[in-house]
Amino acid sequence: MNTAIVLLGSNVDADQNIDAAKDRLSEFFEIDLCSSRIESEAIGENYVTPFLNEAVKLYSDETSEETIAIFKQIEVELGRTPESKKKGIVPIDIDLIFWNDNLMRNDYHRFPFVKKCVDEIR
């Protein structure tokens, strides 16, 4: 069993989209812990509205690559497209931050809101 810590983020209907993502994730994985939700400012030229973020600790029988593929599938199901991202609209973003205690994305060190959410459940 693999342990993953992921960060969920949304800047449109954020509470509903994060809840929907967690519901879908629970169909594939066992969810153990969830952080509190925090708002972060929009970073980047495209993004004009703040994001809501939440970290989730889950268990996966899949490889990290298979797990990420499931995340991408859920993102598409919940309305994320390359076009929407170009417009600064992100219904849901699911990023793998830690996999079995191995850092997978430098976002943990780059963005204080990522570290804050992740450290709540790590």
C-alpha atoms as a PDB file:
ATOM      1  CA  MET A   1       0.000   0.000   0.000  1.00  0.00           C
ATOM      2  CA  ASN A   2       1.355   3.388  -1.022  1.00  0.00           C
ATOM      3  CA  THR A   3       0.766   6.625   0.835  1.00  0.00           C
ATOM      4  CA  ALA A   4       0.094   9.766  -1.164  1.00  0.00           C
ATOM      5  CA  ILE A   5      -0.416  13.344  -0.094  1.00  0.00           C
ATOM      6  CA  VAL A   6      -2.147  15.399  -2.740  1.00  0.00           C
ATOM      7  CA  LEU A   7      -3.158  19.015  -2.963  1.00  0.00           C
ATOM      8  CA  LEU A   8      -6.573  19.884  -4.327  1.00  0.00           C
ATOM      9  CA  GLY A   9      -7.146  23.366  -5.682  1.00  0.00           C
ATOM     10  CA  SER A  10      -9.974  25.199  -7.407  1.00  0.00           C
ATOM     11  CA  ASN A  11     -10.794  28.769  -8.350  1.00  0.00           C
ATOM     12  CA  VAL A  12     -14.377  28.272  -9.553  1.00  0.00           C
ATOM     13  CA  ASP A  13     -17.194  26.830  -7.406  1.00  0.00           C
ATOM     14  CA  ALA A  14     -14.281  25.765  -5.247  1.00  0.00           C
ATOM     15  CA  ASP A  15     -16.058  24.150  -2.291  1.00  0.00           C
ATOM     16  CA  GLN A  16     -18.297  22.095  -4.576  1.00  0.00           C
ATOM     17  CA  ASN A  17     -15.450  21.081  -6.892  1.00  0.00           C
ATOM     18  CA  ILE A  18     -13.142  20.059  -4.047  1.00  0.00           C
ATOM     19  CA  ASP A  19     -15.974  18.028  -2.480  1.00  0.00           C
ATOM     20  CA  ALA A  20     -16.681  16.378  -5.852  1.00  0.00           C
ATOM     21  CA  ALA A  21     -12.990  15.572  -6.314  1.00  0.00           C
ATOM     22  CA  LYS A  22     -12.807  13.974  -2.870  1.00  0.00           C
ATOM     23  CA  ASP A  23     -15.922  11.923  -3.653  1.00  0.00           C
ATOM     24  CA  ARG A  24     -14.342  10.664  -6.886  1.00  0.00           C
ATOM     25  CA  LEU A  25     -10.985  10.026  -5.193  1.00  0.00           C
ATOM     26  CA  SER A  26     -12.740   7.917  -2.549  1.00  0.00           C
ATOM     27  CA  GLU A  27     -14.004   5.621  -5.325  1.00  0.00           C
ATOM     28  CA  PHE A  28     -10.391   4.697  -6.178  1.00  0.00           C
ATOM     29  CA  PHE A  29      -8.472   5.228  -2.947  1.00  0.00           C
ATOM     30  CA  GLU A  30      -8.864   5.103   0.802  1.00  0.00           C
ATOM     31  CA  ILE A  31      -8.834   8.667   2.122  1.00  0.00           C
ATOM     32  CA  ASP A  32      -7.200   8.922   5.540  1.00  0.00           C
ATOM     33  CA  LEU A  33      -6.880  12.606   6.447  1.00  0.00           C
ATOM     34  CA  CYS A  34      -7.876  16.000   5.053  1.00  0.00           C
ATOM     35  CA  SER A  35      -6.432  19.370   5.934  1.00  0.00           C
ATOM     36  CA  SER A  36      -8.425  22.496   6.496  1.00  0.00           C
ATOM     37  CA  ARG A  37      -9.234  24.514   3.392  1.00  0.00           C
ATOM     38  CA  ILE A  38      -7.330  27.704   2.864  1.00  0.00           C
ATOM     39  CA  GLU A  39      -7.592  30.422   0.269  1.00  0.00           C
ATOM     40  CA  SER A  40      -4.532  31.466  -1.706  1.00  0.00           C
ATOM     41  CA  GLU A  41      -4.049  34.376  -4.027  1.00  0.00           C
ATOM     42  CA  ALA A  42      -4.002  33.793  -7.761  1.00  0.00           C
ATOM     43  CA  ILE A  43      -0.418  33.312  -8.945  1.00  0.00           C
ATOM     44  CA  GLY A  44       0.280  33.820 -12.639  1.00  0.00           C
ATOM     45  CA  GLU A  45      -1.015  36.075 -15.369  1.00  0.00           C
ATOM     46  CA  ASN A  46      -3.978  33.893 -16.362  1.00  0.00           C
ATOM     47  CA  TYR A  47      -5.478  33.495 -12.922  1.00  0.00           C
ATOM     48  CA  VAL A  48      -7.615  36.363 -11.684  1.00  0.00           C
ATOM     49  CA  THR A  49      -9.588  34.750  -8.873  1.00  0.00           C
ATOM     50  CA  PRO A  50      -8.185  33.239  -5.657  1.00  0.00           C
ATOM     51  CA  PHE A  51      -7.890  29.490  -5.173  1.00  0.00           C
ATOM     52  CA  LEU A  52      -9.244  27.313  -2.405  1.00  0.00           C
ATOM     53  CA  ASN A  53      -6.828  24.531  -1.424  1.00  0.00           C
ATOM     54  CA  GLU A  54      -6.977  21.370   0.658  1.00  0.00           C
ATOM     55  CA  ALA A  55      -4.469  18.574   1.194  1.00  0.00           C
ATOM     56  CA  VAL A  56      -5.606  14.954   1.301  1.00  0.00           C
ATOM     57  CA  LYS A  57      -3.715  11.903   2.527  1.00  0.00           C
ATOM     58  CA  LEU A  58      -4.772   8.735   0.758  1.00  0.00           C
ATOM     59  CA  TYR A  59      -3.675   5.153   0.222  1.00  0.00           C
ATOM     60  CA  SER A  60      -3.202   3.631  -3.210  1.00  0.00           C
ATOM     61  CA  ASP A  61      -2.549   0.107  -4.448  1.00  0.00           C
ATOM     62  CA  GLU A  62      -1.491   1.630  -7.780  1.00  0.00           C
ATOM     63  CA  THR A  63       1.902   2.907  -8.894  1.00  0.00           C
ATOM     64  CA  SER A  64       2.530   6.646  -8.688  1.00  0.00           C
ATOM     65  CA  GLU A  65       2.099   6.897 -12.474  1.00  0.00           C
ATOM     66  CA  GLU A  66      -1.228   5.037 -12.378  1.00  0.00           C
ATOM     67  CA  THR A  67      -2.362   7.168  -9.442  1.00  0.00           C
ATOM     68  CA  ILE A  68      -1.527  10.387 -11.305  1.00  0.00           C
ATOM     69  CA  ALA A  69      -3.408   9.091 -14.358  1.00  0.00           C
ATOM     70  CA  ILE A  70      -6.498   8.658 -12.167  1.00  0.00           C
ATOM     71  CA  PHE A  71      -6.051  12.216 -10.882  1.00  0.00           C
ATOM     72  CA  LYS A  72      -5.933  13.519 -14.466  1.00  0.00           C
ATOM     73  CA  GLN A  73      -9.057  11.521 -15.353  1.00  0.00           C
ATOM     74  CA  ILE A  74     -10.921  13.066 -12.412  1.00  0.00           C
ATOM     75  CA  GLU A  75      -9.759  16.557 -13.401  1.00  0.00           C
ATOM     76  CA  VAL A  76     -11.206  16.079 -16.890  1.00  0.00           C
ATOM     77  CA  GLU A  77     -14.453  14.624 -15.514  1.00  0.00           C
ATOM     78  CA  LEU A  78     -14.859  17.718 -13.342  1.00  0.00           C
ATOM     79  CA  GLY A  79     -14.444  20.075 -16.277  1.00  0.00           C
ATOM     80  CA  ARG A  80     -10.747  20.898 -16.471  1.00  0.00           C
ATOM     81  CA  THR A  81      -9.579  21.479 -20.038  1.00  0.00           C
ATOM     82  CA  PRO A  82      -6.496  23.085 -21.578  1.00  0.00           C
ATOM     83  CA  GLU A  83      -8.771  25.877 -22.822  1.00  0.00           C
ATOM     84  CA  SER A  84     -10.208  26.586 -19.381  1.00  0.00           C
ATOM     85  CA  LYS A  85      -6.740  26.681 -17.838  1.00  0.00           C
ATOM     86  CA  LYS A  86      -5.600  29.182 -20.495  1.00  0.00           C
ATOM     87  CA  LYS A  87      -8.540  31.375 -19.445  1.00  0.00           C
ATOM     88  CA  GLY A  88      -7.492  31.112 -15.794  1.00  0.00           C
ATOM     89  CA  ILE A  89     -10.408  28.860 -14.859  1.00  0.00           C
ATOM     90  CA  VAL A  90      -9.442  25.758 -12.887  1.00  0.00           C
ATOM     91  CA  PRO A  91     -12.455  23.708 -11.740  1.00  0.00           C
ATOM     92  CA  ILE A  92     -10.054  21.284 -10.030  1.00  0.00           C
ATOM     93  CA  ASP A  93      -6.331  20.680  -9.805  1.00  0.00           C
ATOM     94  CA  ILE A  94      -5.062  17.483  -8.195  1.00  0.00           C
ATOM     95  CA  ASP A  95      -1.300  17.457  -7.602  1.00  0.00           C
ATOM     96  CA  LEU A  96       0.731  14.633  -6.070  1.00  0.00           C
ATOM     97  CA  ILE A  97       2.999  16.312  -3.514  1.00  0.00           C
ATOM     98  CA  PHE A  98       4.391  13.311  -1.581  1.00  0.00           C
ATOM     99  CA  TRP A  99       4.514   9.644  -2.542  1.00  0.00           C
ATOM    100  CA  ASN A 100       5.625   7.352   0.297  1.00  0.00           C
ATOM    101  CA  ASP A 101       7.395  10.312   1.949  1.00  0.00           C
ATOM    102  CA  ASN A 102       9.221  11.191  -1.292  1.00  0.00           C
ATOM    103  CA  LEU A 103       8.704  14.751  -2.452  1.00  0.00           C
ATOM    104  CA  MET A 104       7.187  14.678  -5.934  1.00  0.00           C
ATOM    105  CA  ARG A 105       6.605  18.405  -6.561  1.00  0.00           C
ATOM    106  CA  ASN A 106       8.677  21.362  -5.473  1.00  0.00           C
ATOM    107  CA  ASP A 107       5.414  23.273  -4.868  1.00  0.00           C
ATOM    108  CA  TYR A 108       5.796  22.155  -1.249  1.00  0.00           C
ATOM    109  CA  HIS A 109       8.802  24.469  -0.871  1.00  0.00           C
ATOM    110  CA  ARG A 110       7.700  27.142  -3.386  1.00  0.00           C
ATOM    111  CA  PHE A 111       4.258  28.014  -2.039  1.00  0.00           C
ATOM    112  CA  PRO A 112       3.513  28.575   1.671  1.00  0.00           C
ATOM    113  CA  PHE A 113      -0.140  27.526   1.263  1.00  0.00           C
ATOM    114  CA  VAL A 114       0.948  24.092  -0.058  1.00  0.00           C
ATOM    115  CA  LYS A 115       3.298  23.550   2.884  1.00  0.00           C
ATOM    116  CA  LYS A 116       0.662  24.716   5.372  1.00  0.00           C
ATOM    117  CA  CYS A 117      -2.016  22.340   4.074  1.00  0.00           C
ATOM    118  CA  VAL A 118       0.345  19.390   3.690  1.00  0.00           C
ATOM    119  CA  ASP A 119       1.977  19.824   7.094  1.00  0.00           C
ATOM    120  CA  GLU A 120      -1.444  19.626   8.770  1.00  0.00           C
ATOM    121  CA  ILE A 121      -1.796  15.983   7.718  1.00  0.00           C
ATOM    122  CA  ARG A 122       1.780  14.805   7.285  1.00  0.00           C
END
